[in-house]
Amino acid sequence: MDRTIEVFYKYSGEEADKTKLPKDKLSKLLEKKLKNFLKYRKDSEAVAHTMRDLDVNCDEQVDFKELMRLVTAITITYNDFFDDYRKNQGKQEK
């Protein structure tokens, strides 16, 4: 948790409002810290789509709570993938 908070404020801290990420900073964060998230998004508008999905209050910036929705969704997706993989491995061993 500490690392997630630290990363958020590293990227948001460069702007006037230190508690929010504008689209360009969100893009940098996603490219550096969540490479696999963008890697599998085929369209060139991945960051724009992500921004629209996360920006609940429509202020064209993402605050920490809004970003955590993405982190939580990715974490759940990875857990589901590995859970399915583990279950399928058990079936193959029988």
PDB file of N, CA and C in Angstrom:
ATOM      1  N   MET A   1       0.826  -1.192   0.000  1.00  0.00           N
ATOM      2  CA  MET A   1       0.000   0.000   0.000  1.00  0.00           C
ATOM      3  C   MET A   1       0.868   1.253   0.000  1.00  0.00           C
ATOM      4  N   ASP A   2       1.922   1.213   0.786  1.00  0.00           N
ATOM      5  CA  ASP A   2       2.818   2.374   0.830  1.00  0.00           C
ATOM      6  C   ASP A   2       3.375   2.696  -0.539  1.00  0.00           C
ATOM      7  N   ARG A   3       3.758   1.667  -1.253  1.00  0.00           N
ATOM      8  CA  ARG A   3       4.366   1.873  -2.577  1.00  0.00           C
ATOM      9  C   ARG A   3       3.353   2.471  -3.558  1.00  0.00           C
ATOM     10  N   THR A   4       2.127   2.022  -3.507  1.00  0.00           N
ATOM     11  CA  THR A   4       1.086   2.545  -4.387  1.00  0.00           C
ATOM     12  C   THR A   4       0.871   4.036  -4.122  1.00  0.00           C
ATOM     13  N   ILE A   5       0.796   4.399  -2.868  1.00  0.00           N
ATOM     14  CA  ILE A   5       0.622   5.808  -2.497  1.00  0.00           C
ATOM     15  C   ILE A   5       1.837   6.622  -2.934  1.00  0.00           C
ATOM     16  N   GLU A   6       3.009   6.090  -2.692  1.00  0.00           N
ATOM     17  CA  GLU A   6       4.245   6.769  -3.070  1.00  0.00           C
ATOM     18  C   GLU A   6       4.309   7.039  -4.575  1.00  0.00           C
ATOM     19  N   VAL A   7       3.962   6.034  -5.364  1.00  0.00           N
ATOM     20  CA  VAL A   7       3.988   6.190  -6.825  1.00  0.00           C
ATOM     21  C   VAL A   7       2.974   7.236  -7.267  1.00  0.00           C
ATOM     22  N   PHE A   8       1.767   7.179  -6.721  1.00  0.00           N
ATOM     23  CA  PHE A   8       0.752   8.162  -7.094  1.00  0.00           C
ATOM     24  C   PHE A   8       1.260   9.580  -6.860  1.00  0.00           C
ATOM     25  N   TYR A   9       1.783   9.848  -5.673  1.00  0.00           N
ATOM     26  CA  TYR A   9       2.214  11.204  -5.357  1.00  0.00           C
ATOM     27  C   TYR A   9       3.499  11.603  -6.071  1.00  0.00           C
ATOM     28  N   LYS A  10       4.272  10.635  -6.498  1.00  0.00           N
ATOM     29  CA  LYS A  10       5.443  10.955  -7.319  1.00  0.00           C
ATOM     30  C   LYS A  10       4.984  11.581  -8.634  1.00  0.00           C
ATOM     31  N   TYR A  11       3.970  10.996  -9.237  1.00  0.00           N
ATOM     32  CA  TYR A  11       3.475  11.493 -10.516  1.00  0.00           C
ATOM     33  C   TYR A  11       2.574  12.720 -10.347  1.00  0.00           C
ATOM     34  N   SER A  12       1.749  12.741  -9.325  1.00  0.00           N
ATOM     35  CA  SER A  12       0.847  13.884  -9.137  1.00  0.00           C
ATOM     36  C   SER A  12       1.589  15.092  -8.580  1.00  0.00           C
ATOM     37  N   GLY A  13       2.670  14.871  -7.896  1.00  0.00           N
ATOM     38  CA  GLY A  13       3.404  15.944  -7.245  1.00  0.00           C
ATOM     39  C   GLY A  13       4.037  16.943  -8.177  1.00  0.00           C
ATOM     40  N   GLU A  14       4.039  16.666  -9.462  1.00  0.00           N
ATOM     41  CA  GLU A  14       4.643  17.570 -10.431  1.00  0.00           C
ATOM     42  C   GLU A  14       3.686  18.673 -10.877  1.00  0.00           C
ATOM     43  N   GLU A  15       2.439  18.603 -10.501  1.00  0.00           N
ATOM     44  CA  GLU A  15       1.431  19.549 -10.959  1.00  0.00           C
ATOM     45  C   GLU A  15       1.030  20.512  -9.846  1.00  0.00           C
ATOM     46  N   ALA A  16       0.251  21.524 -10.211  1.00  0.00           N
ATOM     47  CA  ALA A  16      -0.227  22.506  -9.238  1.00  0.00           C
ATOM     48  C   ALA A  16      -1.088  21.839  -8.164  1.00  0.00           C
ATOM     49  N   ASP A  17      -2.029  20.992  -8.578  1.00  0.00           N
ATOM     50  CA  ASP A  17      -2.838  20.244  -7.617  1.00  0.00           C
ATOM     51  C   ASP A  17      -2.137  18.926  -7.360  1.00  0.00           C
ATOM     52  N   LYS A  18      -1.519  18.810  -6.238  1.00  0.00           N
ATOM     53  CA  LYS A  18      -0.678  17.660  -5.916  1.00  0.00           C
ATOM     54  C   LYS A  18      -1.478  16.396  -5.594  1.00  0.00           C
ATOM     55  N   THR A  19      -2.788  16.497  -5.628  1.00  0.00           N
ATOM     56  CA  THR A  19      -3.622  15.337  -5.304  1.00  0.00           C
ATOM     57  C   THR A  19      -4.302  14.733  -6.525  1.00  0.00           C
ATOM     58  N   LYS A  20      -3.950  15.219  -7.721  1.00  0.00           N
ATOM     59  CA  LYS A  20      -4.603  14.714  -8.927  1.00  0.00           C
ATOM     60  C   LYS A  20      -3.603  14.515 -10.054  1.00  0.00           C
ATOM     61  N   LEU A  21      -3.950  13.579 -10.936  1.00  0.00           N
ATOM     62  CA  LEU A  21      -3.138  13.301 -12.123  1.00  0.00           C
ATOM     63  C   LEU A  21      -3.884  13.760 -13.365  1.00  0.00           C
ATOM     64  N   PRO A  22      -3.316  14.689 -14.134  1.00  0.00           N
ATOM     65  CA  PRO A  22      -3.912  14.991 -15.430  1.00  0.00           C
ATOM     66  C   PRO A  22      -3.613  13.851 -16.409  1.00  0.00           C
ATOM     67  N   LYS A  23      -4.245  13.880 -17.563  1.00  0.00           N
ATOM     68  CA  LYS A  23      -4.141  12.787 -18.534  1.00  0.00           C
ATOM     69  C   LYS A  23      -2.691  12.447 -18.889  1.00  0.00           C
ATOM     70  N   ASP A  24      -1.838  13.438 -19.111  1.00  0.00           N
ATOM     71  CA  ASP A  24      -0.459  13.149 -19.508  1.00  0.00           C
ATOM     72  C   ASP A  24       0.318  12.441 -18.396  1.00  0.00           C
ATOM     73  N   LYS A  25       0.048  12.799 -17.150  1.00  0.00           N
ATOM     74  CA  LYS A  25       0.738  12.138 -16.022  1.00  0.00           C
ATOM     75  C   LYS A  25       0.184  10.733 -15.808  1.00  0.00           C
ATOM     76  N   LEU A  26      -1.116  10.571 -16.010  1.00  0.00           N
ATOM     77  CA  LEU A  26      -1.707   9.232 -15.937  1.00  0.00           C
ATOM     78  C   LEU A  26      -1.081   8.338 -16.992  1.00  0.00           C
ATOM     79  N   SER A  27      -0.896   8.876 -18.185  1.00  0.00           N
ATOM     80  CA  SER A  27      -0.279   8.126 -19.270  1.00  0.00           C
ATOM     81  C   SER A  27       1.133   7.675 -18.891  1.00  0.00           C
ATOM     82  N   LYS A  28       1.917   8.571 -18.335  1.00  0.00           N
ATOM     83  CA  LYS A  28       3.286   8.222 -17.911  1.00  0.00           C
ATOM     84  C   LYS A  28       3.268   7.143 -16.831  1.00  0.00           C
ATOM     85  N   LEU A  29       2.365   7.292 -15.869  1.00  0.00           N
ATOM     86  CA  LEU A  29       2.267   6.298 -14.799  1.00  0.00           C
ATOM     87  C   LEU A  29       1.904   4.931 -15.365  1.00  0.00           C
ATOM     88  N   LEU A  30       0.912   4.887 -16.248  1.00  0.00           N
ATOM     89  CA  LEU A  30       0.488   3.616 -16.839  1.00  0.00           C
ATOM     90  C   LEU A  30       1.600   2.985 -17.665  1.00  0.00           C
ATOM     91  N   GLU A  31       2.306   3.806 -18.438  1.00  0.00           N
ATOM     92  CA  GLU A  31       3.385   3.289 -19.276  1.00  0.00           C
ATOM     93  C   GLU A  31       4.538   2.719 -18.449  1.00  0.00           C
ATOM     94  N   LYS A  32       4.862   3.361 -17.340  1.00  0.00           N
ATOM     95  CA  LYS A  32       6.004   2.927 -16.538  1.00  0.00           C
ATOM     96  C   LYS A  32       5.654   1.850 -15.518  1.00  0.00           C
ATOM     97  N   LYS A  33       4.505   1.969 -14.891  1.00  0.00           N
ATOM     98  CA  LYS A  33       4.188   1.083 -13.768  1.00  0.00           C
ATOM     99  C   LYS A  33       3.206  -0.030 -14.105  1.00  0.00           C
ATOM    100  N   LEU A  34       2.420   0.145 -15.153  1.00  0.00           N
ATOM    101  CA  LEU A  34       1.422  -0.871 -15.524  1.00  0.00           C
ATOM    102  C   LEU A  34       1.575  -1.214 -16.999  1.00  0.00           C
ATOM    103  N   LYS A  35       2.789  -1.567 -17.380  1.00  0.00           N
ATOM    104  CA  LYS A  35       3.108  -1.843 -18.791  1.00  0.00           C
ATOM    105  C   LYS A  35       2.169  -2.874 -19.398  1.00  0.00           C
ATOM    106  N   ASN A  36       1.903  -3.938 -18.670  1.00  0.00           N
ATOM    107  CA  ASN A  36       1.062  -5.008 -19.207  1.00  0.00           C
ATOM    108  C   ASN A  36      -0.373  -4.557 -19.443  1.00  0.00           C
ATOM    109  N   PHE A  37      -0.833  -3.598 -18.672  1.00  0.00           N
ATOM    110  CA  PHE A  37      -2.189  -3.083 -18.859  1.00  0.00           C
ATOM    111  C   PHE A  37      -2.325  -2.484 -20.254  1.00  0.00           C
ATOM    112  N   LEU A  38      -1.371  -1.653 -20.658  1.00  0.00           N
ATOM    113  CA  LEU A  38      -1.433  -1.023 -21.973  1.00  0.00           C
ATOM    114  C   LEU A  38      -1.003  -1.966 -23.083  1.00  0.00           C
ATOM    115  N   LYS A  39      -0.155  -2.915 -22.763  1.00  0.00           N
ATOM    116  CA  LYS A  39       0.367  -3.850 -23.759  1.00  0.00           C
ATOM    117  C   LYS A  39      -0.756  -4.614 -24.444  1.00  0.00           C
ATOM    118  N   TYR A  40      -1.783  -4.978 -23.693  1.00  0.00           N
ATOM    119  CA  TYR A  40      -2.856  -5.782 -24.247  1.00  0.00           C
ATOM    120  C   TYR A  40      -4.048  -4.953 -24.729  1.00  0.00           C
ATOM    121  N   ARG A  41      -3.963  -3.656 -24.575  1.00  0.00           N
ATOM    122  CA  ARG A  41      -4.981  -2.773 -25.146  1.00  0.00           C
ATOM    123  C   ARG A  41      -4.550  -2.453 -26.560  1.00  0.00           C
ATOM    124  N   LYS A  42      -5.279  -2.876 -27.548  1.00  0.00           N
ATOM    125  CA  LYS A  42      -4.877  -2.755 -28.951  1.00  0.00           C
ATOM    126  C   LYS A  42      -5.069  -1.361 -29.523  1.00  0.00           C
ATOM    127  N   ASP A  43      -6.048  -0.634 -29.032  1.00  0.00           N
ATOM    128  CA  ASP A  43      -6.342   0.656 -29.641  1.00  0.00           C
ATOM    129  C   ASP A  43      -5.395   1.747 -29.137  1.00  0.00           C
ATOM    130  N   SER A  44      -5.180   2.725 -29.986  1.00  0.00           N
ATOM    131  CA  SER A  44      -4.266   3.815 -29.652  1.00  0.00           C
ATOM    132  C   SER A  44      -4.878   4.780 -28.635  1.00  0.00           C
ATOM    133  N   GLU A  45      -6.134   4.623 -28.364  1.00  0.00           N
ATOM    134  CA  GLU A  45      -6.830   5.498 -27.428  1.00  0.00           C
ATOM    135  C   GLU A  45      -6.937   4.875 -26.028  1.00  0.00           C
ATOM    136  N   ALA A  46      -6.072   3.946 -25.703  1.00  0.00           N
ATOM    137  CA  ALA A  46      -6.184   3.235 -24.425  1.00  0.00           C
ATOM    138  C   ALA A  46      -6.163   4.172 -23.228  1.00  0.00           C
ATOM    139  N   VAL A  47      -5.259   5.139 -23.232  1.00  0.00           N
ATOM    140  CA  VAL A  47      -5.180   6.060 -22.097  1.00  0.00           C
ATOM    141  C   VAL A  47      -6.430   6.935 -22.032  1.00  0.00           C
ATOM    142  N   ALA A  48      -6.915   7.397 -23.174  1.00  0.00           N
ATOM    143  CA  ALA A  48      -8.125   8.222 -23.196  1.00  0.00           C
ATOM    144  C   ALA A  48      -9.330   7.442 -22.674  1.00  0.00           C
ATOM    145  N   HIS A  49      -9.457   6.188 -23.094  1.00  0.00           N
ATOM    146  CA  HIS A  49     -10.553   5.343 -22.599  1.00  0.00           C
ATOM    147  C   HIS A  49     -10.422   5.136 -21.096  1.00  0.00           C
ATOM    148  N   THR A  50      -9.216   4.862 -20.653  1.00  0.00           N
ATOM    149  CA  THR A  50      -8.976   4.637 -19.231  1.00  0.00           C
ATOM    150  C   THR A  50      -9.319   5.888 -18.437  1.00  0.00           C
ATOM    151  N   MET A  51      -8.898   7.031 -18.938  1.00  0.00           N
ATOM    152  CA  MET A  51      -9.188   8.298 -18.266  1.00  0.00           C
ATOM    153  C   MET A  51     -10.687   8.517 -18.145  1.00  0.00           C
ATOM    154  N   ARG A  52     -11.420   8.281 -19.226  1.00  0.00           N
ATOM    155  CA  ARG A  52     -12.881   8.456 -19.184  1.00  0.00           C
ATOM    156  C   ARG A  52     -13.510   7.496 -18.176  1.00  0.00           C
ATOM    157  N   ASP A  53     -13.014   6.264 -18.131  1.00  0.00           N
ATOM    158  CA  ASP A  53     -13.570   5.280 -17.205  1.00  0.00           C
ATOM    159  C   ASP A  53     -13.285   5.631 -15.741  1.00  0.00           C
ATOM    160  N   LEU A  54     -12.108   6.171 -15.486  1.00  0.00           N
ATOM    161  CA  LEU A  54     -11.701   6.448 -14.107  1.00  0.00           C
ATOM    162  C   LEU A  54     -12.205   7.785 -13.584  1.00  0.00           C
ATOM    163  N   ASP A  55     -12.332   8.763 -14.441  1.00  0.00           N
ATOM    164  CA  ASP A  55     -12.625  10.136 -14.030  1.00  0.00           C
ATOM    165  C   ASP A  55     -14.096  10.293 -13.673  1.00  0.00           C
ATOM    166  N   VAL A  56     -14.465   9.783 -12.523  1.00  0.00           N
ATOM    167  CA  VAL A  56     -15.854   9.752 -12.081  1.00  0.00           C
ATOM    168  C   VAL A  56     -16.462  11.152 -11.989  1.00  0.00           C
ATOM    169  N   ASN A  57     -15.704  12.107 -11.486  1.00  0.00           N
ATOM    170  CA  ASN A  57     -16.251  13.457 -11.314  1.00  0.00           C
ATOM    171  C   ASN A  57     -16.055  14.349 -12.542  1.00  0.00           C
ATOM    172  N   CYS A  58     -15.528  13.799 -13.626  1.00  0.00           N
ATOM    173  CA  CYS A  58     -15.386  14.484 -14.919  1.00  0.00           C
ATOM    174  C   CYS A  58     -14.598  15.790 -14.846  1.00  0.00           C
ATOM    175  N   ASP A  59     -13.533  15.805 -14.049  1.00  0.00           N
ATOM    176  CA  ASP A  59     -12.713  17.019 -13.962  1.00  0.00           C
ATOM    177  C   ASP A  59     -11.450  16.929 -14.821  1.00  0.00           C
ATOM    178  N   GLU A  60     -11.389  15.886 -15.665  1.00  0.00           N
ATOM    179  CA  GLU A  60     -10.253  15.678 -16.577  1.00  0.00           C
ATOM    180  C   GLU A  60      -8.952  15.374 -15.843  1.00  0.00           C
ATOM    181  N   GLN A  61      -9.083  14.918 -14.608  1.00  0.00           N
ATOM    182  CA  GLN A  61      -7.944  14.498 -13.804  1.00  0.00           C
ATOM    183  C   GLN A  61      -8.366  13.266 -13.011  1.00  0.00           C
ATOM    184  N   VAL A  62      -7.375  12.526 -12.541  1.00  0.00           N
ATOM    185  CA  VAL A  62      -7.665  11.332 -11.752  1.00  0.00           C
ATOM    186  C   VAL A  62      -7.081  11.532 -10.356  1.00  0.00           C
ATOM    187  N   ASP A  63      -7.928  11.402  -9.352  1.00  0.00           N
ATOM    188  CA  ASP A  63      -7.416  11.489  -7.985  1.00  0.00           C
ATOM    189  C   ASP A  63      -7.071  10.081  -7.495  1.00  0.00           C
ATOM    190  N   PHE A  64      -6.577   9.972  -6.299  1.00  0.00           N
ATOM    191  CA  PHE A  64      -6.108   8.687  -5.778  1.00  0.00           C
ATOM    192  C   PHE A  64      -7.235   7.654  -5.728  1.00  0.00           C
ATOM    193  N   LYS A  65      -8.392   8.049  -5.258  1.00  0.00           N
ATOM    194  CA  LYS A  65      -9.520   7.109  -5.167  1.00  0.00           C
ATOM    195  C   LYS A  65      -9.914   6.595  -6.548  1.00  0.00           C
ATOM    196  N   GLU A  66      -9.916   7.480  -7.522  1.00  0.00           N
ATOM    197  CA  GLU A  66     -10.276   7.070  -8.879  1.00  0.00           C
ATOM    198  C   GLU A  66      -9.232   6.102  -9.446  1.00  0.00           C
ATOM    199  N   LEU A  67      -7.958   6.382  -9.204  1.00  0.00           N
ATOM    200  CA  LEU A  67      -6.905   5.480  -9.675  1.00  0.00           C
ATOM    201  C   LEU A  67      -6.996   4.112  -8.994  1.00  0.00           C
ATOM    202  N   MET A  68      -7.369   4.101  -7.739  1.00  0.00           N
ATOM    203  CA  MET A  68      -7.464   2.836  -7.011  1.00  0.00           C
ATOM    204  C   MET A  68      -8.540   1.921  -7.586  1.00  0.00           C
ATOM    205  N   ARG A  69      -9.533   2.481  -8.244  1.00  0.00           N
ATOM    206  CA  ARG A  69     -10.530   1.645  -8.934  1.00  0.00           C
ATOM    207  C   ARG A  69      -9.846   0.807 -10.003  1.00  0.00           C
ATOM    208  N   LEU A  70      -8.909   1.417 -10.734  1.00  0.00           N
ATOM    209  CA  LEU A  70      -8.168   0.698 -11.769  1.00  0.00           C
ATOM    210  C   LEU A  70      -7.255  -0.359 -11.146  1.00  0.00           C
ATOM    211  N   VAL A  71      -6.523   0.025 -10.122  1.00  0.00           N
ATOM    212  CA  VAL A  71      -5.606  -0.911  -9.461  1.00  0.00           C
ATOM    213  C   VAL A  71      -6.382  -2.106  -8.912  1.00  0.00           C
ATOM    214  N   THR A  72      -7.524  -1.845  -8.305  1.00  0.00           N
ATOM    215  CA  THR A  72      -8.362  -2.922  -7.757  1.00  0.00           C
ATOM    216  C   THR A  72      -8.872  -3.832  -8.869  1.00  0.00           C
ATOM    217  N   ALA A  73      -9.352  -3.257  -9.960  1.00  0.00           N
ATOM    218  CA  ALA A  73      -9.865  -4.059 -11.077  1.00  0.00           C
ATOM    219  C   ALA A  73      -8.765  -4.933 -11.678  1.00  0.00           C
ATOM    220  N   ILE A  74      -7.580  -4.382 -11.846  1.00  0.00           N
ATOM    221  CA  ILE A  74      -6.465  -5.157 -12.398  1.00  0.00           C
ATOM    222  C   ILE A  74      -6.072  -6.276 -11.437  1.00  0.00           C
ATOM    223  N   THR A  75      -6.028  -5.980 -10.155  1.00  0.00           N
ATOM    224  CA  THR A  75      -5.670  -6.985  -9.153  1.00  0.00           C
ATOM    225  C   THR A  75      -6.677  -8.136  -9.155  1.00  0.00           C
ATOM    226  N   ILE A  76      -7.947  -7.829  -9.235  1.00  0.00           N
ATOM    227  CA  ILE A  76      -8.986  -8.864  -9.282  1.00  0.00           C
ATOM    228  C   ILE A  76      -8.846  -9.702 -10.546  1.00  0.00           C
ATOM    229  N   THR A  77      -8.584  -9.049 -11.673  1.00  0.00           N
ATOM    230  CA  THR A  77      -8.418  -9.762 -12.940  1.00  0.00           C
ATOM    231  C   THR A  77      -7.236 -10.723 -12.877  1.00  0.00           C
ATOM    232  N   TYR A  78      -6.111 -10.250 -12.359  1.00  0.00           N
ATOM    233  CA  TYR A  78      -4.934 -11.115 -12.224  1.00  0.00           C
ATOM    234  C   TYR A  78      -5.224 -12.282 -11.281  1.00  0.00           C
ATOM    235  N   ASN A  79      -5.911 -12.015 -10.177  1.00  0.00           N
ATOM    236  CA  ASN A  79      -6.252 -13.082  -9.245  1.00  0.00           C
ATOM    237  C   ASN A  79      -7.130 -14.130  -9.923  1.00  0.00           C
ATOM    238  N   ASP A  80      -8.137 -13.692 -10.659  1.00  0.00           N
ATOM    239  CA  ASP A  80      -9.027 -14.620 -11.354  1.00  0.00           C
ATOM    240  C   ASP A  80      -8.248 -15.463 -12.363  1.00  0.00           C
ATOM    241  N   PHE A  81      -7.342 -14.818 -13.100  1.00  0.00           N
ATOM    242  CA  PHE A  81      -6.535 -15.532 -14.086  1.00  0.00           C
ATOM    243  C   PHE A  81      -5.701 -16.623 -13.408  1.00  0.00           C
ATOM    244  N   PHE A  82      -4.996 -16.267 -12.340  1.00  0.00           N
ATOM    245  CA  PHE A  82      -4.134 -17.238 -11.677  1.00  0.00           C
ATOM    246  C   PHE A  82      -4.927 -18.313 -10.938  1.00  0.00           C
ATOM    247  N   ASP A  83      -6.096 -17.952 -10.446  1.00  0.00           N
ATOM    248  CA  ASP A  83      -6.955 -18.942  -9.802  1.00  0.00           C
ATOM    249  C   ASP A  83      -7.428 -19.971 -10.826  1.00  0.00           C
ATOM    250  N   ASP A  84      -7.867 -19.499 -11.992  1.00  0.00           N
ATOM    251  CA  ASP A  84      -8.282 -20.408 -13.069  1.00  0.00           C
ATOM    252  C   ASP A  84      -7.113 -21.275 -13.529  1.00  0.00           C
ATOM    253  N   TYR A  85      -5.949 -20.655 -13.663  1.00  0.00           N
ATOM    254  CA  TYR A  85      -4.754 -21.386 -14.088  1.00  0.00           C
ATOM    255  C   TYR A  85      -4.419 -22.491 -13.086  1.00  0.00           C
ATOM    256  N   ARG A  86      -4.450 -22.168 -11.806  1.00  0.00           N
ATOM    257  CA  ARG A  86      -4.152 -23.147 -10.758  1.00  0.00           C
ATOM    258  C   ARG A  86      -5.158 -24.298 -10.789  1.00  0.00           C
ATOM    259  N   LYS A  87      -6.420 -23.979 -10.966  1.00  0.00           N
ATOM    260  CA  LYS A  87      -7.454 -25.019 -11.021  1.00  0.00           C
ATOM    261  C   LYS A  87      -7.243 -25.925 -12.234  1.00  0.00           C
ATOM    262  N   ASN A  88      -6.901 -25.334 -13.381  1.00  0.00           N
ATOM    263  CA  ASN A  88      -6.671 -26.126 -14.590  1.00  0.00           C
ATOM    264  C   ASN A  88      -5.416 -26.980 -14.475  1.00  0.00           C
ATOM    265  N   GLN A  89      -4.414 -26.532 -13.784  1.00  0.00           N
ATOM    266  CA  GLN A  89      -3.201 -27.321 -13.570  1.00  0.00           C
ATOM    267  C   GLN A  89      -3.524 -28.574 -12.758  1.00  0.00           C
ATOM    268  N   GLY A  90      -4.390 -28.426 -11.761  1.00  0.00           N
ATOM    269  CA  GLY A  90      -4.796 -29.565 -10.946  1.00  0.00           C
ATOM    270  C   GLY A  90      -5.547 -30.609 -11.764  1.00  0.00           C
ATOM    271  N   LYS A  91      -6.348 -30.191 -12.707  1.00  0.00           N
ATOM    272  CA  LYS A  91      -7.106 -31.108 -13.560  1.00  0.00           C
ATOM    273  C   LYS A  91      -6.184 -31.877 -14.477  1.00  0.00           C
ATOM    274  N   GLN A  92      -5.135 -31.219 -14.968  1.00  0.00           N
ATOM    275  CA  GLN A  92      -4.200 -31.862 -15.898  1.00  0.00           C
ATOM    276  C   GLN A  92      -3.346 -32.919 -15.207  1.00  0.00           C
ATOM    277  N   GLU A  93      -3.096 -32.760 -13.917  1.00  0.00           N
ATOM    278  CA  GLU A  93      -2.239 -33.696 -13.179  1.00  0.00           C
ATOM    279  C   GLU A  93      -2.964 -34.997 -12.870  1.00  0.00           C
ATOM    280  N   LYS A  94      -4.270 -35.029 -12.929  1.00  0.00           N
ATOM    281  CA  LYS A  94      -5.044 -36.241 -12.578  1.00  0.00           C
ATOM    282  C   LYS A  94      -5.008 -37.263 -13.658  1.00  0.00           C
TER     283      LYS A  94
END
